[in-house]
Amino acid sequence: MDILDKIIPKVGDKIGRYELIGELGRGGFGIVYHARQMGLEDDVAIKLMIPQLTPQATKMQPYERFELEAKLIRQLEHPCTIKIRDFGRTEHGLPYLGMEYVRGRTLDAVLREEGPFTIGRTINITKQVLGSLAEAHYLEIVHRDLKPANIMLGNVFGEKDITKVLDFGIAKVLGGQTAVHTIAGTRFGTPWYMAHEQAKGEKIVDARLDLYALGLIIAECLTARKVIQEEDFMAALMAHSSETPLSFEDSVIDSPLFSIIKKATSKSADDRYPSALAMRKAIEDVQVSLDKQTLDSLAKDLKPSTSRLQTSSELHSASTDETTAQVPLWAFLIAVALAVVMTIVALVT
């Protein structure tokens, strides 16, 4: 049996105050479990770091990176950011994070199961993600691996698409600039969502790489397909590292969100939005414009006929005229005569 098999916890085992009740997935840093805090019976997600699954080409030791991630992310308070509750080590020394457990599905899974989103739904989710990023970027934390699989959608008391951003990376101020802990030639992230400078392995990158990834995600929400559809890892990497602008499907180009997508995914970081707040403002402007168009359309549908509306007096007059015109004079006289005769008969009898 491999040494890792002996030290990696299994479902049913206990880590500190937590009992592991299921495995949620495996990623670049290790394994994520569904766990329950003993005594309180609270559900949590446990992110366990496994040595051989962690990147080695960094300026920091892997465990140091993990601990710093915990300390940095604990500062994040935005409701759309996953919360860190705890940090510790297993009996074998493997570090773990105790995180908020979110009941829901990843954006990746929802797109696969439900297909393309409406403009309104896309805007709703995007605004929440940008809120999370705005706070993180203010604290000089760059995600570096934003993708549909790291965005969770949940429903709370009937409110749909409550959004949570998962798995933030680490950022630090270096030389007066926000830059991730990496070295030249080292790439962190998923090739299909890497910004141009990230795909090239540039040493210093900033928060605008997260906006690039989000631009790709917005386009994917509209089509349920990745912008870069090559299955090959290197082909996807080359598509982003190339100076050639990205190509988009017609449905994306025709979308009212295309100007935002195009700007966010510019190959030059200087041509993108300067911040998550600026990108959110652009999204909100589109939303206001669409809302106005909807109201204008409704007003047009409800607009009365161009023919002149008759007043109540005019309607009464017309009704009286029509009634009078429809009763001949001779019929009127006969009716009066009959009434007189019937009256006389009644008096006599």
Protein backbone atom coordinates (compact mmCIF):
# COMPACT_ATOMS: atom_id res chain seq x y z
CA MET A 1 0.00 0.00 0.00
CA ASP A 2 1.28 3.48 -0.93
CA ILE A 3 2.24 5.70 2.01
CA LEU A 4 -0.33 8.29 0.89
CA ASP A 5 -3.09 5.69 1.05
CA LYS A 6 -2.24 5.21 4.71
CA ILE A 7 -2.32 8.89 5.66
CA ILE A 8 -5.17 10.16 3.49
CA PRO A 9 -8.42 10.15 5.51
CA LYS A 10 -11.33 8.13 4.20
CA VAL A 11 -15.07 8.59 4.43
CA GLY A 12 -16.10 7.62 7.97
CA ASP A 13 -12.83 8.85 9.50
CA LYS A 14 -12.60 11.83 11.83
CA ILE A 15 -10.46 14.93 11.34
CA GLY A 16 -10.33 17.05 14.46
CA ARG A 17 -13.92 17.93 15.32
CA TYR A 18 -15.27 16.67 12.00
CA GLU A 19 -16.55 13.34 10.76
CA LEU A 20 -16.13 12.75 7.01
CA ILE A 21 -19.41 11.65 5.46
CA GLY A 22 -18.62 11.90 1.75
CA GLU A 23 -16.11 13.02 -0.87
CA LEU A 24 -17.10 16.06 -2.95
CA GLY A 25 -14.17 16.12 -5.36
CA ARG A 26 -10.45 16.32 -6.00
CA GLY A 27 -8.52 19.27 -7.37
CA GLY A 28 -5.10 20.80 -7.72
CA PHE A 29 -4.60 21.23 -3.99
CA GLY A 30 -6.08 17.99 -2.72
CA ILE A 31 -9.43 16.49 -1.73
CA VAL A 32 -12.67 18.14 -0.62
CA TYR A 33 -14.95 16.20 1.74
CA HIS A 34 -18.48 16.68 2.97
CA ALA A 35 -18.16 16.54 6.76
CA ARG A 36 -20.21 17.10 9.88
CA GLN A 37 -19.05 18.91 12.96
CA MET A 38 -19.53 16.60 15.89
CA GLY A 39 -21.70 17.93 18.70
CA LEU A 40 -23.22 20.78 16.69
CA GLU A 41 -24.17 18.54 13.74
CA ASP A 42 -23.31 21.34 11.32
CA ASP A 43 -22.41 20.41 7.75
CA VAL A 44 -19.03 21.69 6.56
CA ALA A 45 -16.71 21.16 3.63
CA ILE A 46 -13.21 19.99 4.49
CA LYS A 47 -10.46 20.85 2.01
CA LEU A 48 -7.49 18.57 2.64
CA MET A 49 -4.07 19.25 1.18
CA ILE A 50 -2.25 16.24 -0.31
CA PRO A 51 1.50 16.75 -0.95
CA GLN A 52 1.77 15.07 -4.36
CA LEU A 53 -1.25 16.96 -5.68
CA THR A 54 0.17 20.40 -4.89
CA PRO A 55 2.27 22.60 -7.18
CA GLN A 56 5.97 22.47 -6.40
CA ALA A 57 7.36 25.36 -8.45
CA THR A 58 6.52 28.15 -6.02
CA LYS A 59 8.41 30.58 -3.86
CA MET A 60 6.73 29.12 -0.80
CA GLN A 61 6.54 25.64 0.63
CA PRO A 62 3.16 24.05 -0.18
CA TYR A 63 2.07 23.92 3.47
CA GLU A 64 2.98 27.59 3.91
CA ARG A 65 0.86 28.46 0.88
CA PHE A 66 -2.07 26.55 2.31
CA GLU A 67 -1.84 28.23 5.71
CA LEU A 68 -1.51 31.67 4.16
CA GLU A 69 -4.55 30.95 1.98
CA ALA A 70 -6.53 30.19 5.13
CA LYS A 71 -5.44 33.41 6.84
CA LEU A 72 -6.10 35.56 3.80
CA ILE A 73 -9.48 34.11 2.87
CA ARG A 74 -10.73 34.40 6.45
CA GLN A 75 -10.65 38.16 5.85
CA LEU A 76 -13.27 37.88 3.11
CA GLU A 77 -16.76 38.77 4.33
CA HIS A 78 -18.75 39.18 1.13
CA PRO A 79 -21.88 36.97 1.19
CA CYS A 80 -20.99 35.58 -2.26
CA THR A 81 -17.61 34.29 -1.09
CA ILE A 82 -17.28 30.88 0.53
CA LYS A 83 -16.50 31.24 4.26
CA ILE A 84 -13.50 29.68 6.02
CA ARG A 85 -14.46 28.40 9.47
CA ASP A 86 -11.45 26.48 10.66
CA PHE A 87 -7.87 25.47 9.94
CA GLY A 88 -5.85 22.57 11.31
CA ARG A 89 -3.79 19.47 10.61
CA THR A 90 -4.63 15.78 10.62
CA GLU A 91 -2.86 13.36 12.93
CA HIS A 92 -0.42 12.76 10.08
CA GLY A 93 0.30 16.46 9.62
CA LEU A 94 -1.81 17.11 6.51
CA PRO A 95 -3.30 20.62 6.65
CA TYR A 96 -7.00 21.15 6.09
CA LEU A 97 -9.52 23.97 5.86
CA GLY A 98 -13.00 23.79 7.36
CA MET A 99 -15.26 25.71 4.97
CA GLU A 100 -18.89 26.69 4.68
CA TYR A 101 -20.89 23.87 3.10
CA VAL A 102 -23.10 25.10 0.26
CA ARG A 103 -26.13 23.10 -0.84
CA GLY A 104 -26.42 23.51 -4.54
CA ARG A 105 -24.76 22.76 -7.86
CA THR A 106 -21.77 24.24 -9.59
CA LEU A 107 -22.38 26.58 -12.50
CA ASP A 108 -20.63 24.01 -14.65
CA ALA A 109 -23.15 21.31 -13.69
CA VAL A 110 -26.16 23.62 -14.11
CA LEU A 111 -25.08 24.63 -17.63
CA ARG A 112 -24.62 20.98 -18.61
CA GLU A 113 -28.04 20.03 -17.26
CA GLU A 114 -30.13 23.09 -18.21
CA GLY A 115 -28.41 24.59 -21.24
CA PRO A 116 -27.94 28.31 -22.04
CA PHE A 117 -29.14 30.94 -19.59
CA THR A 118 -31.28 33.95 -20.27
CA ILE A 119 -29.68 37.41 -20.27
CA GLY A 120 -31.36 38.22 -16.97
CA ARG A 121 -30.12 35.11 -15.22
CA THR A 122 -26.60 35.63 -16.57
CA ILE A 123 -26.56 39.21 -15.29
CA ASN A 124 -27.80 38.15 -11.86
CA ILE A 125 -25.05 35.57 -11.41
CA THR A 126 -22.33 37.80 -12.88
CA LYS A 127 -23.12 40.69 -10.53
CA GLN A 128 -22.79 38.41 -7.51
CA VAL A 129 -19.45 37.03 -8.69
CA LEU A 130 -18.16 40.56 -9.30
CA GLY A 131 -19.18 41.55 -5.78
CA SER A 132 -17.10 38.70 -4.39
CA LEU A 133 -14.14 39.57 -6.62
CA ALA A 134 -14.31 43.28 -5.77
CA GLU A 135 -13.74 42.60 -2.08
CA ALA A 136 -11.01 40.02 -2.73
CA HIS A 137 -9.16 42.33 -5.13
CA TYR A 138 -9.37 45.19 -2.63
CA LEU A 139 -7.58 42.92 -0.16
CA GLU A 140 -5.05 42.01 -2.90
CA ILE A 141 -6.31 38.45 -3.27
CA VAL A 142 -6.39 37.19 -6.85
CA HIS A 143 -8.44 34.07 -7.53
CA ARG A 144 -6.40 32.81 -10.53
CA ASP A 145 -8.69 29.86 -11.21
CA LEU A 146 -12.13 31.32 -11.73
CA LYS A 147 -14.26 28.91 -13.78
CA PRO A 148 -17.80 27.49 -13.76
CA ALA A 149 -16.68 24.60 -11.55
CA ASN A 150 -15.63 27.12 -8.88
CA ILE A 151 -18.95 28.96 -8.81
CA MET A 152 -21.75 27.42 -6.79
CA LEU A 153 -25.44 28.16 -7.32
CA GLY A 154 -27.86 27.48 -4.51
CA ASN A 155 -31.52 28.12 -3.69
CA VAL A 156 -32.50 29.63 -0.33
CA PHE A 157 -36.19 29.79 0.63
CA GLY A 158 -37.23 29.98 -3.00
CA GLU A 159 -34.65 32.58 -3.99
CA LYS A 160 -32.81 31.11 -6.98
CA ASP A 161 -29.14 31.30 -7.96
CA ILE A 162 -27.63 32.45 -4.67
CA THR A 163 -24.03 32.51 -5.87
CA LYS A 164 -20.86 31.54 -4.01
CA VAL A 165 -17.31 31.81 -5.34
CA LEU A 166 -15.12 28.88 -4.26
CA ASP A 167 -11.38 28.20 -4.04
CA PHE A 168 -9.62 31.55 -3.92
CA GLY A 169 -5.89 31.59 -4.57
CA ILE A 170 -3.21 33.70 -2.88
CA ALA A 171 -2.04 37.24 -3.62
CA LYS A 172 0.57 39.50 -2.10
CA VAL A 173 1.85 43.02 -2.63
CA LEU A 174 5.20 42.77 -4.42
CA GLY A 175 7.02 45.91 -5.54
CA GLY A 176 3.88 47.98 -5.12
CA GLN A 177 1.80 45.71 -7.37
CA THR A 178 -0.65 42.98 -6.58
CA ALA A 179 0.91 39.75 -7.80
CA VAL A 180 0.37 36.07 -7.14
CA HIS A 181 3.01 33.91 -5.51
CA THR A 182 4.54 32.29 -8.56
CA ILE A 183 7.70 32.31 -10.60
CA ALA A 184 8.30 33.01 -14.27
CA GLY A 185 7.14 30.17 -16.49
CA THR A 186 4.81 28.71 -13.86
CA ARG A 187 1.09 28.66 -14.66
CA PHE A 188 -1.70 28.36 -12.15
CA GLY A 189 -5.28 27.89 -13.25
CA THR A 190 -7.31 26.01 -15.84
CA PRO A 191 -6.13 26.49 -19.48
CA TRP A 192 -9.65 27.08 -20.85
CA TYR A 193 -10.08 30.14 -18.59
CA MET A 194 -6.54 31.54 -18.38
CA ALA A 195 -5.90 35.16 -19.25
CA HIS A 196 -3.36 35.98 -21.96
CA GLU A 197 -0.59 36.93 -19.51
CA GLN A 198 -1.40 33.98 -17.26
CA ALA A 199 -1.20 31.51 -20.15
CA LYS A 200 2.19 32.95 -21.11
CA GLY A 201 3.47 32.31 -17.59
CA GLU A 202 4.34 35.93 -16.88
CA LYS A 203 5.80 36.51 -13.44
CA ILE A 204 3.60 39.41 -12.37
CA VAL A 205 -0.12 39.34 -13.04
CA ASP A 206 -2.89 41.29 -11.37
CA ALA A 207 -6.59 41.08 -10.57
CA ARG A 208 -7.60 41.78 -14.17
CA LEU A 209 -6.89 38.14 -15.03
CA ASP A 210 -9.97 37.23 -12.96
CA LEU A 211 -12.06 39.60 -15.09
CA TYR A 212 -10.78 37.88 -18.24
CA ALA A 213 -11.94 34.52 -16.88
CA LEU A 214 -15.31 36.00 -15.93
CA GLY A 215 -15.76 37.36 -19.45
CA LEU A 216 -15.32 33.82 -20.76
CA ILE A 217 -17.80 32.54 -18.18
CA ILE A 218 -20.43 35.11 -19.22
CA ALA A 219 -20.12 33.94 -22.84
CA GLU A 220 -20.39 30.33 -21.69
CA CYS A 221 -23.58 31.10 -19.76
CA LEU A 222 -25.16 32.32 -23.00
CA THR A 223 -24.23 29.20 -25.02
CA ALA A 224 -23.57 26.43 -22.46
CA ARG A 225 -20.29 25.87 -24.35
CA LYS A 226 -16.73 26.94 -23.58
CA VAL A 227 -15.37 29.78 -25.68
CA ILE A 228 -12.24 27.68 -26.25
CA GLN A 229 -13.66 24.33 -27.28
CA GLU A 230 -10.41 22.47 -27.99
CA GLU A 231 -10.14 19.43 -25.76
CA ASP A 232 -6.36 19.46 -25.82
CA PHE A 233 -4.69 21.19 -22.86
CA MET A 234 -1.96 22.80 -24.96
CA ALA A 235 -4.36 23.91 -27.70
CA ALA A 236 -6.44 25.78 -25.12
CA LEU A 237 -3.29 27.31 -23.65
CA MET A 238 -2.11 28.45 -27.08
CA ALA A 239 -5.48 30.04 -27.87
CA HIS A 240 -5.13 32.33 -24.85
CA SER A 241 -1.38 32.98 -25.09
CA SER A 242 -1.70 33.94 -28.78
CA GLU A 243 -2.04 37.62 -29.69
CA THR A 244 -5.04 36.77 -31.89
CA PRO A 245 -8.35 38.03 -30.43
CA LEU A 246 -10.79 35.37 -29.28
CA SER A 247 -13.65 34.26 -31.53
CA PHE A 248 -17.22 34.08 -30.26
CA GLU A 249 -20.41 32.45 -31.46
CA ASP A 250 -23.02 34.58 -33.25
CA SER A 251 -25.45 34.29 -30.33
CA VAL A 252 -22.82 35.85 -28.07
CA ILE A 253 -21.96 38.59 -30.57
CA ASP A 254 -25.66 39.46 -30.92
CA SER A 255 -26.13 39.59 -27.15
CA PRO A 256 -26.42 42.93 -25.32
CA LEU A 257 -23.61 41.63 -23.09
CA PHE A 258 -21.11 41.23 -25.94
CA SER A 259 -19.44 44.62 -25.45
CA ILE A 260 -18.71 43.65 -21.85
CA ILE A 261 -17.45 40.19 -22.83
CA LYS A 262 -15.21 41.65 -25.53
CA LYS A 263 -13.66 44.23 -23.23
CA ALA A 264 -13.16 41.79 -20.36
CA THR A 265 -11.42 39.25 -22.61
CA SER A 266 -9.03 41.68 -24.31
CA LYS A 267 -5.60 40.09 -24.68
CA SER A 268 -4.02 43.23 -23.22
CA ALA A 269 -4.83 43.67 -19.53
CA ASP A 270 -4.75 47.45 -20.03
CA ASP A 271 -7.71 47.19 -22.42
CA ARG A 272 -9.87 45.37 -19.87
CA TYR A 273 -11.93 46.87 -17.09
CA PRO A 274 -9.64 48.37 -14.46
CA SER A 275 -11.54 46.71 -11.62
CA ALA A 276 -14.37 44.37 -10.71
CA LEU A 277 -16.41 47.39 -9.61
CA ALA A 278 -15.99 49.03 -13.03
CA MET A 279 -17.11 45.83 -14.75
CA ARG A 280 -20.09 45.54 -12.42
CA LYS A 281 -21.09 49.15 -13.25
CA ALA A 282 -21.04 48.23 -16.96
CA ILE A 283 -23.23 45.18 -16.26
CA GLU A 284 -25.68 47.31 -14.28
CA ASP A 285 -25.86 49.86 -17.12
CA VAL A 286 -26.84 47.09 -19.52
CA GLN A 287 -29.43 45.85 -17.04
CA VAL A 288 -30.97 49.32 -16.69
CA SER A 289 -31.08 49.68 -20.48
CA LEU A 290 -32.80 46.30 -20.86
CA ASP A 291 -35.30 47.13 -18.11
CA LYS A 292 -36.15 50.41 -19.86
CA GLN A 293 -36.65 48.60 -23.16
CA THR A 294 -38.97 46.14 -21.45
CA LEU A 295 -41.01 48.95 -19.88
CA ASP A 296 -41.18 50.81 -23.19
CA SER A 297 -42.39 47.64 -24.90
CA LEU A 298 -45.08 47.10 -22.26
CA ALA A 299 -46.19 50.72 -22.55
CA LYS A 300 -46.48 50.31 -26.30
CA ASP A 301 -48.57 47.16 -25.91
CA LEU A 302 -50.88 48.92 -23.46
CA LYS A 303 -51.23 52.12 -25.51
CA PRO A 304 -54.95 52.85 -26.37
CA SER A 305 -56.28 52.89 -29.92
CA THR A 306 -55.48 55.97 -31.97
CA SER A 307 -59.24 56.51 -32.59
CA ARG A 308 -60.81 59.23 -30.42
CA LEU A 309 -62.28 57.90 -27.18
CA GLN A 310 -65.91 58.97 -26.59
CA THR A 311 -66.86 60.57 -23.30
CA SER A 312 -69.69 59.15 -21.20
CA SER A 313 -72.01 62.02 -22.20
CA GLU A 314 -71.21 61.39 -25.87
CA LEU A 315 -71.92 57.69 -25.44
CA HIS A 316 -75.28 58.48 -23.70
CA SER A 317 -76.21 60.95 -26.39
CA ALA A 318 -75.34 58.50 -29.11
CA SER A 319 -77.30 55.77 -27.38
CA THR A 320 -80.37 58.03 -27.06
CA ASP A 321 -80.15 59.12 -30.66
CA GLU A 322 -79.86 55.55 -31.83
CA THR A 323 -82.88 54.48 -29.73
CA THR A 324 -85.00 57.36 -30.99
CA ALA A 325 -84.03 56.74 -34.54
CA GLN A 326 -84.92 53.11 -34.30
CA VAL A 327 -88.63 53.69 -33.05
CA PRO A 328 -91.06 54.88 -35.88
CA LEU A 329 -93.60 57.63 -35.07
CA TRP A 330 -96.65 55.51 -35.88
CA ALA A 331 -95.53 52.81 -33.49
CA PHE A 332 -95.11 55.39 -30.78
CA LEU A 333 -98.67 56.77 -31.33
CA ILE A 334 -100.22 53.30 -31.27
CA ALA A 335 -98.47 52.56 -28.01
CA VAL A 336 -99.86 55.78 -26.47
CA ALA A 337 -103.38 55.00 -27.69
CA LEU A 338 -103.29 51.51 -26.25
CA ALA A 339 -102.16 52.88 -22.94
CA VAL A 340 -105.10 55.35 -22.85
CA VAL A 341 -107.63 52.62 -23.72
CA MET A 342 -106.29 50.30 -21.03
CA THR A 343 -106.54 53.08 -18.48
CA ILE A 344 -110.21 53.81 -19.34
CA VAL A 345 -111.11 50.11 -19.17
CA ALA A 346 -109.53 49.85 -15.77
CA LEU A 347 -111.55 52.84 -14.47
CA VAL A 348 -114.85 51.47 -15.79
CA THR A 349 -114.42 48.04 -14.30
